[in-house]
Amino acid sequence: DGLTAFDREALGRYAPDDATTVSIWRTWDDGEDKITG
């Protein structure tokens, strides 16, 4: 939370103007590493 204009610009569609928070998660599945948002 506490998203700034700089954060929103860097995160793009993951942090639209009307969002107060952004959720991102990292998964590891038997050696496969992925980022999800």
Full PDB file with SEQRES, HELIX, SHEET, SSBOND, CRYST1, ORIGX, SCALE, CONECT and MASTER records, all heavy atoms in Angstrom:
SEQRES   1 A   37  ASP GLY LEU THR ALA PHE ASP ARG GLU ALA LEU GLY ARG          
SEQRES   2 A   37  TYR ALA PRO ASP ASP ALA THR THR VAL SER ILE TRP ARG          
SEQRES   3 A   37  THR TRP ASP ASP GLY GLU ASP LYS ILE THR GLY                  
HELIX    1 AA1 ALA A    5  LEU A   11  1                                   7    
HELIX    2 AA2 GLY A   12  TYR A   14  5                                   3    
SHEET    1 AA1 2 TRP A  25  ASP A  29  0                                        
SHEET    2 AA1 2 GLU A  32  THR A  36 -1                                        
CRYST1    1.000    1.000    1.000  90.00  90.00  90.00 P 1           1          
ORIGX1      1.000000  0.000000  0.000000        0.00000                         
ORIGX2      0.000000  1.000000  0.000000        0.00000                         
ORIGX3      0.000000  0.000000  1.000000        0.00000                         
SCALE1      1.000000  0.000000  0.000000        0.00000                         
SCALE2      0.000000  1.000000  0.000000        0.00000                         
SCALE3      0.000000  0.000000  1.000000        0.00000                         
ATOM      1  N   ASP A   1       0.854  -1.183   0.000  1.00  0.00           N  
ATOM      2  CA  ASP A   1       0.000   0.000   0.000  1.00  0.00           C  
ATOM      3  C   ASP A   1       0.895   1.239   0.000  1.00  0.00           C  
ATOM      4  O   ASP A   1       2.110   1.143  -0.179  1.00  0.00           O  
ATOM      5  CB  ASP A   1      -0.978  -0.008   1.177  1.00  0.00           C  
ATOM      6  CG  ASP A   1      -0.285   0.075   2.526  1.00  0.00           C  
ATOM      7  OD1 ASP A   1       0.967   0.108   2.560  1.00  0.00           O  
ATOM      8  OD2 ASP A   1      -0.973   0.106   3.561  1.00  0.00           O  
ATOM      9  N   GLY A   2       0.275   2.411   0.188  1.00  0.00           N  
ATOM     10  CA  GLY A   2       1.044   3.650   0.143  1.00  0.00           C  
ATOM     11  C   GLY A   2       1.626   3.915  -1.230  1.00  0.00           C  
ATOM     12  O   GLY A   2       2.754   4.416  -1.358  1.00  0.00           O  
ATOM     13  N   LEU A   3       0.866   3.590  -2.282  1.00  0.00           N  
ATOM     14  CA  LEU A   3       1.362   3.729  -3.648  1.00  0.00           C  
ATOM     15  C   LEU A   3       1.515   5.197  -4.038  1.00  0.00           C  
ATOM     16  O   LEU A   3       0.614   6.003  -3.818  1.00  0.00           O  
ATOM     17  CB  LEU A   3       0.413   3.041  -4.625  1.00  0.00           C  
ATOM     18  CG  LEU A   3       0.135   1.542  -4.376  1.00  0.00           C  
ATOM     19  CD1 LEU A   3      -0.865   1.027  -5.394  1.00  0.00           C  
ATOM     20  CD2 LEU A   3       1.419   0.747  -4.426  1.00  0.00           C  
ATOM     21  N   THR A   4       2.645   5.523  -4.608  1.00  0.00           N  
ATOM     22  CA  THR A   4       2.899   6.875  -5.100  1.00  0.00           C  
ATOM     23  C   THR A   4       2.730   6.898  -6.617  1.00  0.00           C  
ATOM     24  O   THR A   4       2.594   5.855  -7.264  1.00  0.00           O  
ATOM     25  CB  THR A   4       4.318   7.330  -4.743  1.00  0.00           C  
ATOM     26  OG1 THR A   4       5.256   6.504  -5.450  1.00  0.00           O  
ATOM     27  CG2 THR A   4       4.568   7.212  -3.246  1.00  0.00           C  
ATOM     28  N   ALA A   5       2.755   8.107  -7.189  1.00  0.00           N  
ATOM     29  CA  ALA A   5       2.665   8.233  -8.645  1.00  0.00           C  
ATOM     30  C   ALA A   5       3.832   7.519  -9.322  1.00  0.00           C  
ATOM     31  O   ALA A   5       3.675   6.896 -10.382  1.00  0.00           O  
ATOM     32  CB  ALA A   5       2.645   9.714  -9.033  1.00  0.00           C  
ATOM     33  N   PHE A   6       5.007   7.572  -8.687  1.00  0.00           N  
ATOM     34  CA  PHE A   6       6.179   6.879  -9.231  1.00  0.00           C  
ATOM     35  C   PHE A   6       5.950   5.371  -9.237  1.00  0.00           C  
ATOM     36  O   PHE A   6       6.290   4.683 -10.205  1.00  0.00           O  
ATOM     37  CB  PHE A   6       7.407   7.229  -8.391  1.00  0.00           C  
ATOM     38  CG  PHE A   6       8.679   6.606  -8.887  1.00  0.00           C  
ATOM     39  CD1 PHE A   6       9.442   7.227  -9.858  1.00  0.00           C  
ATOM     40  CD2 PHE A   6       9.114   5.386  -8.391  1.00  0.00           C  
ATOM     41  CE1 PHE A   6      10.618   6.657 -10.325  1.00  0.00           C  
ATOM     42  CE2 PHE A   6      10.279   4.796  -8.845  1.00  0.00           C  
ATOM     43  CZ  PHE A   6      11.034   5.433  -9.816  1.00  0.00           C  
ATOM     44  N   ASP A   7       5.360   4.842  -8.142  1.00  0.00           N  
ATOM     45  CA  ASP A   7       5.067   3.407  -8.065  1.00  0.00           C  
ATOM     46  C   ASP A   7       4.107   2.996  -9.169  1.00  0.00           C  
ATOM     47  O   ASP A   7       4.303   1.964  -9.837  1.00  0.00           O  
ATOM     48  CB  ASP A   7       4.454   3.052  -6.702  1.00  0.00           C  
ATOM     49  CG  ASP A   7       5.381   3.376  -5.549  1.00  0.00           C  
ATOM     50  OD1 ASP A   7       6.606   3.299  -5.737  1.00  0.00           O  
ATOM     51  OD2 ASP A   7       4.875   3.723  -4.466  1.00  0.00           O  
ATOM     52  N   ARG A   8       3.060   3.776  -9.359  1.00  0.00           N  
ATOM     53  CA  ARG A   8       2.037   3.422 -10.349  1.00  0.00           C  
ATOM     54  C   ARG A   8       2.620   3.420 -11.763  1.00  0.00           C  
ATOM     55  O   ARG A   8       2.305   2.545 -12.573  1.00  0.00           O  
ATOM     56  CB  ARG A   8       0.860   4.398 -10.267  1.00  0.00           C  
ATOM     57  CG  ARG A   8       0.121   4.339  -8.936  1.00  0.00           C  
ATOM     58  CD  ARG A   8      -1.057   5.303  -8.933  1.00  0.00           C  
ATOM     59  NE  ARG A   8      -1.589   5.470  -7.598  1.00  0.00           N  
ATOM     60  CZ  ARG A   8      -2.414   4.616  -7.004  1.00  0.00           C  
ATOM     61  NH1 ARG A   8      -2.785   3.528  -7.650  1.00  0.00           N  
ATOM     62  NH2 ARG A   8      -2.862   4.829  -5.777  1.00  0.00           N  
ATOM     63  N   GLU A   9       3.482   4.385 -12.017  1.00  0.00           N  
ATOM     64  CA  GLU A   9       4.077   4.440 -13.345  1.00  0.00           C  
ATOM     65  C   GLU A   9       4.974   3.233 -13.583  1.00  0.00           C  
ATOM     66  O   GLU A   9       4.981   2.651 -14.675  1.00  0.00           O  
ATOM     67  CB  GLU A   9       4.885   5.728 -13.497  1.00  0.00           C  
ATOM     68  CG  GLU A   9       5.518   5.885 -14.875  1.00  0.00           C  
ATOM     69  CD  GLU A   9       6.284   7.187 -15.009  1.00  0.00           C  
ATOM     70  OE1 GLU A   9       6.238   8.008 -14.064  1.00  0.00           O  
ATOM     71  OE2 GLU A   9       6.928   7.375 -16.048  1.00  0.00           O  
ATOM     72  N   ALA A  10       5.726   2.831 -12.559  1.00  0.00           N  
ATOM     73  CA  ALA A  10       6.640   1.701 -12.709  1.00  0.00           C  
ATOM     74  C   ALA A  10       5.886   0.376 -12.833  1.00  0.00           C  
ATOM     75  O   ALA A  10       6.282  -0.510 -13.591  1.00  0.00           O  
ATOM     76  CB  ALA A  10       7.601   1.647 -11.525  1.00  0.00           C  
ATOM     77  N   LEU A  11       4.780   0.237 -12.089  1.00  0.00           N  
ATOM     78  CA  LEU A  11       4.049  -1.028 -12.073  1.00  0.00           C  
ATOM     79  C   LEU A  11       3.000  -1.129 -13.172  1.00  0.00           C  
ATOM     80  O   LEU A  11       2.456  -2.210 -13.412  1.00  0.00           O  
ATOM     81  CB  LEU A  11       3.382  -1.226 -10.700  1.00  0.00           C  
ATOM     82  CG  LEU A  11       4.353  -1.436  -9.536  1.00  0.00           C  
ATOM     83  CD1 LEU A  11       3.603  -1.443  -8.215  1.00  0.00           C  
ATOM     84  CD2 LEU A  11       5.141  -2.729  -9.701  1.00  0.00           C  
ATOM     85  N   GLY A  12       2.688  -0.013 -13.805  1.00  0.00           N  
ATOM     86  CA  GLY A  12       1.761  -0.054 -14.940  1.00  0.00           C  
ATOM     87  C   GLY A  12       0.404  -0.612 -14.567  1.00  0.00           C  
ATOM     88  O   GLY A  12      -0.225  -0.178 -13.600  1.00  0.00           O  
ATOM     89  N   ARG A  13      -0.062  -1.592 -15.335  1.00  0.00           N  
ATOM     90  CA  ARG A  13      -1.421  -2.109 -15.140  1.00  0.00           C  
ATOM     91  C   ARG A  13      -1.595  -2.867 -13.829  1.00  0.00           C  
ATOM     92  O   ARG A  13      -2.709  -3.177 -13.429  1.00  0.00           O  
ATOM     93  CB  ARG A  13      -1.806  -3.030 -16.295  1.00  0.00           C  
ATOM     94  CG  ARG A  13      -0.931  -4.273 -16.437  1.00  0.00           C  
ATOM     95  CD  ARG A  13      -1.415  -5.098 -17.599  1.00  0.00           C  
ATOM     96  NE  ARG A  13      -0.599  -6.281 -17.796  1.00  0.00           N  
ATOM     97  CZ  ARG A  13      -1.071  -7.436 -18.229  1.00  0.00           C  
ATOM     98  NH1 ARG A  13      -2.346  -7.549 -18.499  1.00  0.00           N  
ATOM     99  NH2 ARG A  13      -0.275  -8.464 -18.409  1.00  0.00           N  
ATOM    100  N   TYR A  14      -0.481  -3.169 -13.147  1.00  0.00           N  
ATOM    101  CA  TYR A  14      -0.601  -3.828 -11.849  1.00  0.00           C  
ATOM    102  C   TYR A  14      -1.063  -2.852 -10.762  1.00  0.00           C  
ATOM    103  O   TYR A  14      -1.497  -3.280  -9.691  1.00  0.00           O  
ATOM    104  CB  TYR A  14       0.738  -4.446 -11.438  1.00  0.00           C  
ATOM    105  CG  TYR A  14       1.157  -5.607 -12.304  1.00  0.00           C  
ATOM    106  CD1 TYR A  14       1.940  -5.417 -13.423  1.00  0.00           C  
ATOM    107  CD2 TYR A  14       0.738  -6.899 -12.014  1.00  0.00           C  
ATOM    108  CE1 TYR A  14       2.320  -6.474 -14.235  1.00  0.00           C  
ATOM    109  CE2 TYR A  14       1.104  -7.963 -12.815  1.00  0.00           C  
ATOM    110  CZ  TYR A  14       1.897  -7.748 -13.917  1.00  0.00           C  
ATOM    111  OH  TYR A  14       2.263  -8.806 -14.714  1.00  0.00           O  
ATOM    112  N   ALA A  15      -0.951  -1.556 -11.011  1.00  0.00           N  
ATOM    113  CA  ALA A  15      -1.328  -0.550 -10.011  1.00  0.00           C  
ATOM    114  C   ALA A  15      -2.065   0.595 -10.687  1.00  0.00           C  
ATOM    115  O   ALA A  15      -1.527   1.696 -10.831  1.00  0.00           O  
ATOM    116  CB  ALA A  15      -0.090  -0.037  -9.283  1.00  0.00           C  
ATOM    117  N   PRO A  16      -3.300   0.384 -11.121  1.00  0.00           N  
ATOM    118  CA  PRO A  16      -4.066   1.458 -11.762  1.00  0.00           C  
ATOM    119  C   PRO A  16      -4.357   2.596 -10.791  1.00  0.00           C  
ATOM    120  O   PRO A  16      -4.206   2.454  -9.570  1.00  0.00           O  
ATOM    121  CB  PRO A  16      -5.356   0.749 -12.197  1.00  0.00           C  
ATOM    122  CG  PRO A  16      -5.454  -0.456 -11.317  1.00  0.00           C  
ATOM    123  CD  PRO A  16      -4.051  -0.878 -11.042  1.00  0.00           C  
ATOM    124  N   ASP A  17      -4.788   3.726 -11.327  1.00  0.00           N  
ATOM    125  CA  ASP A  17      -4.949   4.942 -10.528  1.00  0.00           C  
ATOM    126  C   ASP A  17      -5.926   4.772  -9.370  1.00  0.00           C  
ATOM    127  O   ASP A  17      -5.762   5.397  -8.321  1.00  0.00           O  
ATOM    128  CB  ASP A  17      -5.417   6.094 -11.422  1.00  0.00           C  
ATOM    129  CG  ASP A  17      -4.360   6.480 -12.433  1.00  0.00           C  
ATOM    130  OD1 ASP A  17      -3.179   6.166 -12.194  1.00  0.00           O  
ATOM    131  OD2 ASP A  17      -4.714   7.093 -13.462  1.00  0.00           O  
ATOM    132  N   ASP A  18      -6.966   3.960  -9.567  1.00  0.00           N  
ATOM    133  CA  ASP A  18      -7.983   3.828  -8.522  1.00  0.00           C  
ATOM    134  C   ASP A  18      -7.663   2.735  -7.512  1.00  0.00           C  
ATOM    135  O   ASP A  18      -8.443   2.488  -6.594  1.00  0.00           O  
ATOM    136  CB  ASP A  18      -9.358   3.566  -9.153  1.00  0.00           C  
ATOM    137  CG  ASP A  18      -9.336   2.347 -10.073  1.00  0.00           C  
ATOM    138  OD1 ASP A  18      -8.229   1.868 -10.398  1.00  0.00           O  
ATOM    139  OD2 ASP A  18     -10.422   1.886 -10.465  1.00  0.00           O  
ATOM    140  N   ALA A  19      -6.528   2.055  -7.638  1.00  0.00           N  
ATOM    141  CA  ALA A  19      -6.168   0.986  -6.705  1.00  0.00           C  
ATOM    142  C   ALA A  19      -5.393   1.563  -5.525  1.00  0.00           C  
ATOM    143  O   ALA A  19      -4.488   2.382  -5.703  1.00  0.00           O  
ATOM    144  CB  ALA A  19      -5.339  -0.077  -7.413  1.00  0.00           C  
ATOM    145  N   THR A  20      -5.746   1.143  -4.322  1.00  0.00           N  
ATOM    146  CA  THR A  20      -5.025   1.582  -3.125  1.00  0.00           C  
ATOM    147  C   THR A  20      -3.938   0.592  -2.723  1.00  0.00           C  
ATOM    148  O   THR A  20      -3.043   0.930  -1.957  1.00  0.00           O  
ATOM    149  CB  THR A  20      -5.993   1.765  -1.948  1.00  0.00           C  
ATOM    150  OG1 THR A  20      -6.686   0.526  -1.707  1.00  0.00           O  
ATOM    151  CG2 THR A  20      -7.013   2.858  -2.254  1.00  0.00           C  
ATOM    152  N   THR A  21      -4.025  -0.623  -3.218  1.00  0.00           N  
ATOM    153  CA  THR A  21      -3.016  -1.639  -2.928  1.00  0.00           C  
ATOM    154  C   THR A  21      -2.687  -2.404  -4.199  1.00  0.00           C  
ATOM    155  O   THR A  21      -3.435  -2.352  -5.182  1.00  0.00           O  
ATOM    156  CB  THR A  21      -3.507  -2.637  -1.862  1.00  0.00           C  
ATOM    157  OG1 THR A  21      -4.620  -3.387  -2.382  1.00  0.00           O  
ATOM    158  CG2 THR A  21      -3.919  -1.931  -0.582  1.00  0.00           C  
ATOM    159  N   VAL A  22      -1.581  -3.111  -4.159  1.00  0.00           N  
ATOM    160  CA  VAL A  22      -1.210  -4.004  -5.255  1.00  0.00           C  
ATOM    161  C   VAL A  22      -0.671  -5.289  -4.647  1.00  0.00           C  
ATOM    162  O   VAL A  22       0.064  -5.255  -3.663  1.00  0.00           O  
ATOM    163  CB  VAL A  22      -0.164  -3.347  -6.185  1.00  0.00           C  
ATOM    164  CG1 VAL A  22       1.090  -2.966  -5.431  1.00  0.00           C  
ATOM    165  CG2 VAL A  22       0.181  -4.262  -7.339  1.00  0.00           C  
ATOM    166  N   SER A  23      -1.080  -6.432  -5.208  1.00  0.00           N  
ATOM    167  CA  SER A  23      -0.656  -7.736  -4.695  1.00  0.00           C  
ATOM    168  C   SER A  23       0.190  -8.451  -5.734  1.00  0.00           C  
ATOM    169  O   SER A  23      -0.190  -8.551  -6.905  1.00  0.00           O  
ATOM    170  CB  SER A  23      -1.873  -8.601  -4.345  1.00  0.00           C  
ATOM    171  OG  SER A  23      -2.576  -8.058  -3.251  1.00  0.00           O  
ATOM    172  N   ILE A  24       1.340  -8.930  -5.295  1.00  0.00           N  
ATOM    173  CA  ILE A  24       2.248  -9.671  -6.162  1.00  0.00           C  
ATOM    174  C   ILE A  24       2.724 -10.887  -5.388  1.00  0.00           C  
ATOM    175  O   ILE A  24       2.972 -10.809  -4.186  1.00  0.00           O  
ATOM    176  CB  ILE A  24       3.452  -8.803  -6.573  1.00  0.00           C  
ATOM    177  CG1 ILE A  24       2.967  -7.553  -7.317  1.00  0.00           C  
ATOM    178  CG2 ILE A  24       4.445  -9.575  -7.434  1.00  0.00           C  
ATOM    179  CD1 ILE A  24       4.022  -6.496  -7.476  1.00  0.00           C  
ATOM    180  N   TRP A  25       2.819 -12.013  -6.064  1.00  0.00           N  
ATOM    181  CA  TRP A  25       3.331 -13.181  -5.361  1.00  0.00           C  
ATOM    182  C   TRP A  25       4.292 -13.959  -6.233  1.00  0.00           C  
ATOM    183  O   TRP A  25       4.236 -13.946  -7.460  1.00  0.00           O  
ATOM    184  CB  TRP A  25       2.216 -14.071  -4.821  1.00  0.00           C  
ATOM    185  CG  TRP A  25       1.217 -14.581  -5.806  1.00  0.00           C  
ATOM    186  CD1 TRP A  25       1.241 -15.774  -6.456  1.00  0.00           C  
ATOM    187  CD2 TRP A  25       0.016 -13.929  -6.206  1.00  0.00           C  
ATOM    188  NE1 TRP A  25       0.138 -15.897  -7.249  1.00  0.00           N  
ATOM    189  CE2 TRP A  25      -0.636 -14.782  -7.115  1.00  0.00           C  
ATOM    190  CE3 TRP A  25      -0.567 -12.689  -5.897  1.00  0.00           C  
ATOM    191  CZ2 TRP A  25      -1.840 -14.445  -7.722  1.00  0.00           C  
ATOM    192  CZ3 TRP A  25      -1.763 -12.367  -6.503  1.00  0.00           C  
ATOM    193  CH2 TRP A  25      -2.388 -13.229  -7.386  1.00  0.00           C  
ATOM    194  N   ARG A  26       5.187 -14.623  -5.510  1.00  0.00           N  
ATOM    195  CA  ARG A  26       6.216 -15.433  -6.163  1.00  0.00           C  
ATOM    196  C   ARG A  26       5.956 -16.886  -5.782  1.00  0.00           C  
ATOM    197  O   ARG A  26       5.726 -17.202  -4.615  1.00  0.00           O  
ATOM    198  CB  ARG A  26       7.597 -14.998  -5.690  1.00  0.00           C  
ATOM    199  CG  ARG A  26       8.737 -15.591  -6.497  1.00  0.00           C  
ATOM    200  CD  ARG A  26      10.067 -14.971  -6.127  1.00  0.00           C  
ATOM    201  NE  ARG A  26      11.050 -15.220  -7.161  1.00  0.00           N  
ATOM    202  CZ  ARG A  26      11.991 -14.376  -7.524  1.00  0.00           C  
ATOM    203  NH1 ARG A  26      12.060 -13.199  -6.951  1.00  0.00           N  
ATOM    204  NH2 ARG A  26      12.869 -14.681  -8.467  1.00  0.00           N  
ATOM    205  N   THR A  27       5.990 -17.766  -6.768  1.00  0.00           N  
ATOM    206  CA  THR A  27       5.759 -19.189  -6.528  1.00  0.00           C  
ATOM    207  C   THR A  27       6.959 -19.992  -7.006  1.00  0.00           C  
ATOM    208  O   THR A  27       7.640 -19.618  -7.974  1.00  0.00           O  
ATOM    209  CB  THR A  27       4.499 -19.692  -7.252  1.00  0.00           C  
ATOM    210  OG1 THR A  27       4.654 -19.480  -8.664  1.00  0.00           O  
ATOM    211  CG2 THR A  27       3.266 -18.957  -6.762  1.00  0.00           C  
ATOM    212  N   TRP A  28       7.199 -21.078  -6.309  1.00  0.00           N  
ATOM    213  CA  TRP A  28       8.239 -22.042  -6.692  1.00  0.00           C  
ATOM    214  C   TRP A  28       7.574 -23.405  -6.721  1.00  0.00           C  
ATOM    215  O   TRP A  28       7.002 -23.852  -5.730  1.00  0.00           O  
ATOM    216  CB  TRP A  28       9.373 -22.007  -5.681  1.00  0.00           C  
ATOM    217  CG  TRP A  28      10.568 -22.851  -6.033  1.00  0.00           C  
ATOM    218  CD1 TRP A  28      11.682 -22.457  -6.699  1.00  0.00           C  
ATOM    219  CD2 TRP A  28      10.768 -24.236  -5.710  1.00  0.00           C  
ATOM    220  NE1 TRP A  28      12.569 -23.510  -6.823  1.00  0.00           N  
ATOM    221  CE2 TRP A  28      12.029 -24.614  -6.222  1.00  0.00           C  
ATOM    222  CE3 TRP A  28      10.003 -25.188  -5.042  1.00  0.00           C  
ATOM    223  CZ2 TRP A  28      12.540 -25.899  -6.088  1.00  0.00           C  
ATOM    224  CZ3 TRP A  28      10.507 -26.478  -4.908  1.00  0.00           C  
ATOM    225  CH2 TRP A  28      11.758 -26.827  -5.424  1.00  0.00           C  
ATOM    226  N   ASP A  29       7.612 -24.042  -7.872  1.00  0.00           N  
ATOM    227  CA  ASP A  29       6.931 -25.331  -8.039  1.00  0.00           C  
ATOM    228  C   ASP A  29       7.906 -26.326  -8.652  1.00  0.00           C  
ATOM    229  O   ASP A  29       8.130 -26.339  -9.867  1.00  0.00           O  
ATOM    230  CB  ASP A  29       5.698 -25.164  -8.936  1.00  0.00           C  
ATOM    231  CG  ASP A  29       4.776 -26.390  -8.888  1.00  0.00           C  
ATOM    232  OD1 ASP A  29       5.232 -27.448  -8.393  1.00  0.00           O  
ATOM    233  OD2 ASP A  29       3.633 -26.290  -9.335  1.00  0.00           O  
ATOM    234  N   ASP A  30       8.530 -27.120  -7.783  1.00  0.00           N  
ATOM    235  CA  ASP A  30       9.470 -28.156  -8.217  1.00  0.00           C  
ATOM    236  C   ASP A  30      10.548 -27.577  -9.134  1.00  0.00           C  
ATOM    237  O   ASP A  30      10.874 -28.135 -10.186  1.00  0.00           O  
ATOM    238  CB  ASP A  30       8.720 -29.286  -8.921  1.00  0.00           C  
ATOM    239  CG  ASP A  30       9.577 -30.561  -8.987  1.00  0.00           C  
ATOM    240  OD1 ASP A  30      10.606 -30.626  -8.285  1.00  0.00           O  
ATOM    241  OD2 ASP A  30       9.214 -31.481  -9.750  1.00  0.00           O  
ATOM    242  N   GLY A  31      11.092 -26.422  -8.737  1.00  0.00           N  
ATOM    243  CA  GLY A  31      12.185 -25.825  -9.478  1.00  0.00           C  
ATOM    244  C   GLY A  31      11.775 -24.719 -10.417  1.00  0.00           C  
ATOM    245  O   GLY A  31      12.632 -23.946 -10.885  1.00  0.00           O  
ATOM    246  N   GLU A  32      10.485 -24.589 -10.734  1.00  0.00           N  
ATOM    247  CA  GLU A  32      10.019 -23.538 -11.631  1.00  0.00           C  
ATOM    248  C   GLU A  32       9.602 -22.312 -10.816  1.00  0.00           C  
ATOM    249  O   GLU A  32       8.712 -22.382  -9.981  1.00  0.00           O  
ATOM    250  CB  GLU A  32       8.844 -24.025 -12.479  1.00  0.00           C  
ATOM    251  CG  GLU A  32       8.394 -23.000 -13.503  1.00  0.00           C  
ATOM    252  CD  GLU A  32       7.247 -23.511 -14.366  1.00  0.00           C  
ATOM    253  OE1 GLU A  32       6.742 -24.625 -14.105  1.00  0.00           O  
ATOM    254  OE2 GLU A  32       6.839 -22.777 -15.285  1.00  0.00           O  
ATOM    255  N   ASP A  33      10.276 -21.204 -11.104  1.00  0.00           N  
ATOM    256  CA  ASP A  33      10.079 -19.960 -10.349  1.00  0.00           C  
ATOM    257  C   ASP A  33       9.253 -18.997 -11.190  1.00  0.00           C  
ATOM    258  O   ASP A  33       9.624 -18.681 -12.324  1.00  0.00           O  
ATOM    259  CB  ASP A  33      11.440 -19.352 -10.025  1.00  0.00           C  
ATOM    260  CG  ASP A  33      11.363 -18.201  -9.036  1.00  0.00           C  
ATOM    261  OD1 ASP A  33      10.263 -17.654  -8.842  1.00  0.00           O  
ATOM    262  OD2 ASP A  33      12.398 -17.831  -8.478  1.00  0.00           O  
ATOM    263  N   LYS A  34       8.125 -18.513 -10.637  1.00  0.00           N  
ATOM    264  CA  LYS A  34       7.259 -17.596 -11.377  1.00  0.00           C  
ATOM    265  C   LYS A  34       6.862 -16.404 -10.520  1.00  0.00           C  
ATOM    266  O   LYS A  34       6.750 -16.509  -9.302  1.00  0.00           O  
ATOM    267  CB  LYS A  34       5.985 -18.303 -11.849  1.00  0.00           C  
ATOM    268  CG  LYS A  34       6.190 -19.271 -12.996  1.00  0.00           C  
ATOM    269  CD  LYS A  34       4.848 -19.777 -13.510  1.00  0.00           C  
ATOM    270  CE  LYS A  34       5.034 -20.694 -14.708  1.00  0.00           C  
ATOM    271  NZ  LYS A  34       3.724 -21.173 -15.235  1.00  0.00           N  
ATOM    272  N   ILE A  35       6.612 -15.299 -11.188  1.00  0.00           N  
ATOM    273  CA  ILE A  35       6.077 -14.104 -10.552  1.00  0.00           C  
ATOM    274  C   ILE A  35       4.648 -13.918 -11.036  1.00  0.00           C  
ATOM    275  O   ILE A  35       4.365 -14.016 -12.233  1.00  0.00           O  
ATOM    276  CB  ILE A  35       6.897 -12.866 -10.916  1.00  0.00           C  
ATOM    277  CG1 ILE A  35       8.358 -13.074 -10.548  1.00  0.00           C  
ATOM    278  CG2 ILE A  35       6.341 -11.627 -10.223  1.00  0.00           C  
ATOM    279  CD1 ILE A  35       8.608 -13.292  -9.091  1.00  0.00           C  
ATOM    280  N   THR A  36       3.755 -13.669 -10.101  1.00  0.00           N  
ATOM    281  CA  THR A  36       2.343 -13.505 -10.431  1.00  0.00           C  
ATOM    282  C   THR A  36       1.832 -12.235  -9.776  1.00  0.00           C  
ATOM    283  O   THR A  36       2.251 -11.888  -8.677  1.00  0.00           O  
ATOM    284  CB  THR A  36       1.523 -14.715  -9.930  1.00  0.00           C  
ATOM    285  OG1 THR A  36       2.111 -15.910 -10.421  1.00  0.00           O  
ATOM    286  CG2 THR A  36       0.085 -14.636 -10.402  1.00  0.00           C  
ATOM    287  N   GLY A  37       0.913 -11.550 -10.485  1.00  0.00           N  
ATOM    288  CA  GLY A  37       0.341 -10.344  -9.909  1.00  0.00           C  
ATOM    289  C   GLY A  37      -1.103 -10.182 -10.295  1.00  0.00           C  
ATOM    290  O   GLY A  37      -1.585 -10.798 -11.248  1.00  0.00           O  
TER     291      GLY A  37                                                      
MASTER        0    0    0    2    2    0    0    6  290    1    0    3          
END                                                                             
